[in-house]
N, C-alpha and C. Protein backbone atom coordinates (compact mmCIF):
# COMPACT_ATOMS: atom_id res chain seq x y z
N MET A 1 8.84 -67.30 -33.94
CA MET A 1 9.92 -66.35 -33.76
C MET A 1 9.49 -65.33 -32.71
N THR A 2 10.33 -65.08 -31.73
CA THR A 2 10.04 -64.14 -30.67
C THR A 2 10.52 -62.75 -31.07
N VAL A 3 9.65 -61.77 -30.92
CA VAL A 3 10.02 -60.39 -31.21
C VAL A 3 10.39 -59.73 -29.89
N LEU A 4 11.59 -59.18 -29.84
CA LEU A 4 12.06 -58.53 -28.63
C LEU A 4 11.80 -57.04 -28.69
N SER A 5 11.57 -56.45 -27.53
CA SER A 5 11.39 -55.00 -27.47
C SER A 5 12.74 -54.32 -27.63
N ASP A 6 12.71 -53.03 -27.94
CA ASP A 6 13.96 -52.28 -28.06
C ASP A 6 14.77 -52.36 -26.77
N GLU A 7 14.08 -52.32 -25.64
CA GLU A 7 14.77 -52.36 -24.35
C GLU A 7 15.49 -53.70 -24.15
N GLU A 8 14.84 -54.79 -24.55
CA GLU A 8 15.47 -56.11 -24.41
C GLU A 8 16.66 -56.24 -25.35
N ILE A 9 16.51 -55.75 -26.56
CA ILE A 9 17.62 -55.79 -27.51
C ILE A 9 18.79 -54.96 -26.99
N ALA A 10 18.49 -53.75 -26.50
CA ALA A 10 19.54 -52.88 -25.97
C ALA A 10 20.25 -53.53 -24.79
N GLN A 11 19.48 -54.17 -23.91
CA GLN A 11 20.08 -54.83 -22.75
C GLN A 11 21.02 -55.95 -23.19
N ARG A 12 20.59 -56.74 -24.14
CA ARG A 12 21.42 -57.85 -24.61
C ARG A 12 22.67 -57.35 -25.33
N LEU A 13 22.50 -56.32 -26.17
CA LEU A 13 23.66 -55.77 -26.87
C LEU A 13 24.64 -55.12 -25.91
N THR A 14 24.11 -54.45 -24.88
CA THR A 14 24.98 -53.84 -23.87
C THR A 14 25.80 -54.92 -23.16
N ALA A 15 25.14 -56.01 -22.80
CA ALA A 15 25.84 -57.11 -22.13
C ALA A 15 26.93 -57.68 -23.03
N ILE A 16 26.61 -57.91 -24.28
CA ILE A 16 27.60 -58.46 -25.22
C ILE A 16 28.76 -57.48 -25.38
N TYR A 17 28.44 -56.21 -25.53
CA TYR A 17 29.47 -55.17 -25.71
C TYR A 17 30.46 -55.20 -24.54
N PHE A 18 29.94 -55.19 -23.32
CA PHE A 18 30.84 -55.16 -22.17
C PHE A 18 31.53 -56.49 -21.91
N GLU A 19 30.89 -57.59 -22.28
CA GLU A 19 31.57 -58.89 -22.17
C GLU A 19 32.79 -58.92 -23.09
N GLU A 20 32.62 -58.39 -24.30
CA GLU A 20 33.74 -58.36 -25.24
C GLU A 20 34.85 -57.43 -24.75
N ILE A 21 34.49 -56.28 -24.20
CA ILE A 21 35.49 -55.36 -23.67
C ILE A 21 36.25 -56.02 -22.53
N ALA A 22 35.52 -56.66 -21.62
CA ALA A 22 36.16 -57.31 -20.47
C ALA A 22 37.02 -58.48 -20.94
N ARG A 23 36.51 -59.25 -21.88
CA ARG A 23 37.24 -60.43 -22.36
C ARG A 23 38.55 -60.04 -23.02
N ARG A 24 38.51 -58.97 -23.79
CA ARG A 24 39.71 -58.54 -24.50
C ARG A 24 40.61 -57.64 -23.65
N GLY A 25 40.10 -57.24 -22.49
CA GLY A 25 40.92 -56.45 -21.58
C GLY A 25 41.11 -55.01 -22.00
N PHE A 26 40.20 -54.47 -22.81
CA PHE A 26 40.33 -53.10 -23.25
C PHE A 26 40.11 -52.10 -22.12
N LYS A 27 39.24 -52.47 -21.21
CA LYS A 27 38.93 -51.56 -20.13
C LYS A 27 38.84 -52.38 -18.84
N ARG A 28 39.69 -52.09 -17.91
CA ARG A 28 39.74 -52.86 -16.66
C ARG A 28 38.59 -52.50 -15.73
N LYS A 29 38.15 -51.26 -15.75
CA LYS A 29 37.11 -50.82 -14.83
C LYS A 29 35.93 -50.29 -15.63
N LEU A 30 34.80 -50.92 -15.47
CA LEU A 30 33.59 -50.46 -16.11
C LEU A 30 32.73 -49.77 -15.07
N ASP A 31 32.44 -48.48 -15.29
CA ASP A 31 31.62 -47.77 -14.33
C ASP A 31 30.17 -47.74 -14.80
N LEU A 32 29.28 -47.38 -13.88
CA LEU A 32 27.85 -47.36 -14.17
C LEU A 32 27.51 -46.40 -15.30
N ASP A 33 28.18 -45.26 -15.35
CA ASP A 33 27.92 -44.30 -16.42
C ASP A 33 28.20 -44.90 -17.79
N SER A 34 29.25 -45.69 -17.89
CA SER A 34 29.57 -46.33 -19.17
C SER A 34 28.47 -47.29 -19.59
N VAL A 35 27.96 -48.04 -18.65
CA VAL A 35 26.89 -49.00 -18.95
C VAL A 35 25.62 -48.24 -19.36
N ILE A 36 25.25 -47.22 -18.61
CA ILE A 36 24.04 -46.45 -18.92
C ILE A 36 24.17 -45.75 -20.27
N ASN A 37 25.31 -45.12 -20.51
CA ASN A 37 25.51 -44.43 -21.79
C ASN A 37 25.45 -45.39 -22.97
N THR A 38 26.02 -46.56 -22.81
CA THR A 38 25.96 -47.55 -23.88
C THR A 38 24.53 -48.01 -24.13
N TYR A 39 23.80 -48.28 -23.07
CA TYR A 39 22.40 -48.71 -23.18
C TYR A 39 21.57 -47.64 -23.89
N LEU A 40 21.70 -46.38 -23.46
CA LEU A 40 20.93 -45.29 -24.07
C LEU A 40 21.33 -45.06 -25.53
N TYR A 41 22.60 -45.21 -25.83
CA TYR A 41 23.07 -45.09 -27.21
C TYR A 41 22.42 -46.15 -28.09
N ILE A 42 22.37 -47.38 -27.60
CA ILE A 42 21.78 -48.48 -28.38
C ILE A 42 20.28 -48.24 -28.58
N ILE A 43 19.58 -47.81 -27.52
CA ILE A 43 18.14 -47.52 -27.64
C ILE A 43 17.92 -46.45 -28.70
N THR A 44 18.71 -45.38 -28.66
CA THR A 44 18.57 -44.29 -29.63
C THR A 44 18.80 -44.79 -31.05
N ARG A 45 19.82 -45.60 -31.25
CA ARG A 45 20.11 -46.14 -32.59
C ARG A 45 18.98 -47.03 -33.08
N LEU A 46 18.42 -47.86 -32.20
CA LEU A 46 17.32 -48.73 -32.60
C LEU A 46 16.09 -47.91 -32.99
N GLN A 47 15.78 -46.88 -32.24
CA GLN A 47 14.63 -46.04 -32.56
C GLN A 47 14.85 -45.27 -33.85
N ARG A 48 16.07 -44.80 -34.09
CA ARG A 48 16.39 -44.09 -35.33
C ARG A 48 16.24 -45.04 -36.52
N LYS A 49 16.69 -46.29 -36.34
CA LYS A 49 16.57 -47.28 -37.41
C LYS A 49 15.10 -47.51 -37.77
N GLU A 50 14.25 -47.62 -36.76
CA GLU A 50 12.82 -47.81 -37.00
C GLU A 50 12.23 -46.62 -37.74
N SER A 51 12.65 -45.43 -37.36
CA SER A 51 12.16 -44.21 -38.00
C SER A 51 12.57 -44.16 -39.47
N ILE A 52 13.81 -44.51 -39.73
CA ILE A 52 14.32 -44.50 -41.11
C ILE A 52 13.58 -45.55 -41.94
N CYS A 53 13.38 -46.73 -41.39
CA CYS A 53 12.65 -47.78 -42.11
C CYS A 53 11.23 -47.34 -42.43
N GLN A 54 10.60 -46.66 -41.50
CA GLN A 54 9.23 -46.18 -41.71
C GLN A 54 9.20 -45.13 -42.82
N LYS A 55 10.17 -44.24 -42.84
CA LYS A 55 10.23 -43.21 -43.89
C LYS A 55 10.45 -43.84 -45.26
N VAL A 56 11.31 -44.83 -45.33
CA VAL A 56 11.57 -45.52 -46.60
C VAL A 56 10.30 -46.22 -47.07
N GLU A 57 9.62 -46.88 -46.15
CA GLU A 57 8.38 -47.58 -46.50
C GLU A 57 7.33 -46.60 -47.03
N GLU A 58 7.19 -45.45 -46.39
CA GLU A 58 6.23 -44.43 -46.85
C GLU A 58 6.62 -43.91 -48.23
N SER A 59 7.89 -43.71 -48.45
CA SER A 59 8.37 -43.22 -49.74
C SER A 59 8.10 -44.23 -50.85
N VAL A 60 8.32 -45.50 -50.57
CA VAL A 60 8.07 -46.55 -51.56
C VAL A 60 6.57 -46.62 -51.88
N LYS A 61 5.74 -46.50 -50.87
CA LYS A 61 4.29 -46.54 -51.11
C LYS A 61 3.84 -45.36 -51.97
N ARG A 62 4.40 -44.16 -51.70
CA ARG A 62 4.05 -42.99 -52.53
C ARG A 62 4.48 -43.21 -53.98
N LEU A 63 5.68 -43.74 -54.17
CA LEU A 63 6.17 -44.01 -55.51
C LEU A 63 5.31 -45.04 -56.22
N GLU A 64 4.92 -46.10 -55.50
CA GLU A 64 4.05 -47.11 -56.10
C GLU A 64 2.70 -46.50 -56.49
N ASP A 65 2.16 -45.63 -55.63
CA ASP A 65 0.90 -44.95 -55.94
C ASP A 65 1.03 -44.09 -57.19
N ASP A 66 2.13 -43.35 -57.28
CA ASP A 66 2.37 -42.50 -58.45
C ASP A 66 2.47 -43.34 -59.72
N LEU A 67 3.20 -44.44 -59.63
CA LEU A 67 3.38 -45.30 -60.80
C LEU A 67 2.08 -46.00 -61.19
N SER A 68 1.24 -46.29 -60.23
CA SER A 68 -0.01 -47.00 -60.55
C SER A 68 -0.98 -46.11 -61.31
N ASN A 69 -0.79 -44.80 -61.27
CA ASN A 69 -1.67 -43.87 -61.97
C ASN A 69 -1.17 -43.51 -63.37
N GLU A 70 0.01 -43.96 -63.73
CA GLU A 70 0.56 -43.64 -65.04
C GLU A 70 0.06 -44.65 -66.08
N THR A 71 -0.08 -44.16 -67.28
CA THR A 71 -0.50 -45.04 -68.38
C THR A 71 0.71 -45.83 -68.88
N ARG A 72 0.41 -46.83 -69.66
CA ARG A 72 1.50 -47.63 -70.23
C ARG A 72 2.41 -46.78 -71.09
N GLU A 73 1.82 -45.84 -71.84
CA GLU A 73 2.61 -44.98 -72.71
C GLU A 73 3.53 -44.06 -71.89
N GLU A 74 3.06 -43.63 -70.74
CA GLU A 74 3.90 -42.79 -69.88
C GLU A 74 5.04 -43.59 -69.27
N LEU A 75 4.76 -44.83 -68.93
CA LEU A 75 5.80 -45.67 -68.35
C LEU A 75 6.82 -46.14 -69.38
N PHE A 76 6.34 -46.45 -70.58
CA PHE A 76 7.22 -46.97 -71.63
C PHE A 76 7.05 -46.14 -72.91
N PRO A 77 7.61 -44.95 -72.94
CA PRO A 77 7.44 -44.10 -74.13
C PRO A 77 8.15 -44.70 -75.34
N MET A 78 7.49 -44.65 -76.45
CA MET A 78 8.05 -45.16 -77.69
C MET A 78 8.78 -44.01 -78.39
N GLY A 79 9.92 -44.31 -78.98
CA GLY A 79 10.69 -43.29 -79.70
C GLY A 79 9.90 -42.78 -80.90
N ARG A 80 9.84 -41.47 -81.03
CA ARG A 80 9.07 -40.91 -82.16
C ARG A 80 9.96 -40.31 -83.17
């Protein structure tokens, strides 16, 4: 499996985005600013997604660490 860089993914998504716009006729004239803005938007979203995934992963690891230090009685309290 080939892993693509954020830039390659953004480039491919930008191309698909504008192909769909052109194919459906939503916008007759595509200017350079539109292409650049779309590319930068996609890069930003990809980086934000990576950041969010990293935060979730760190949170899960902290929770697992906390749970690994609890005793069985703390995890499964018996009714008294």
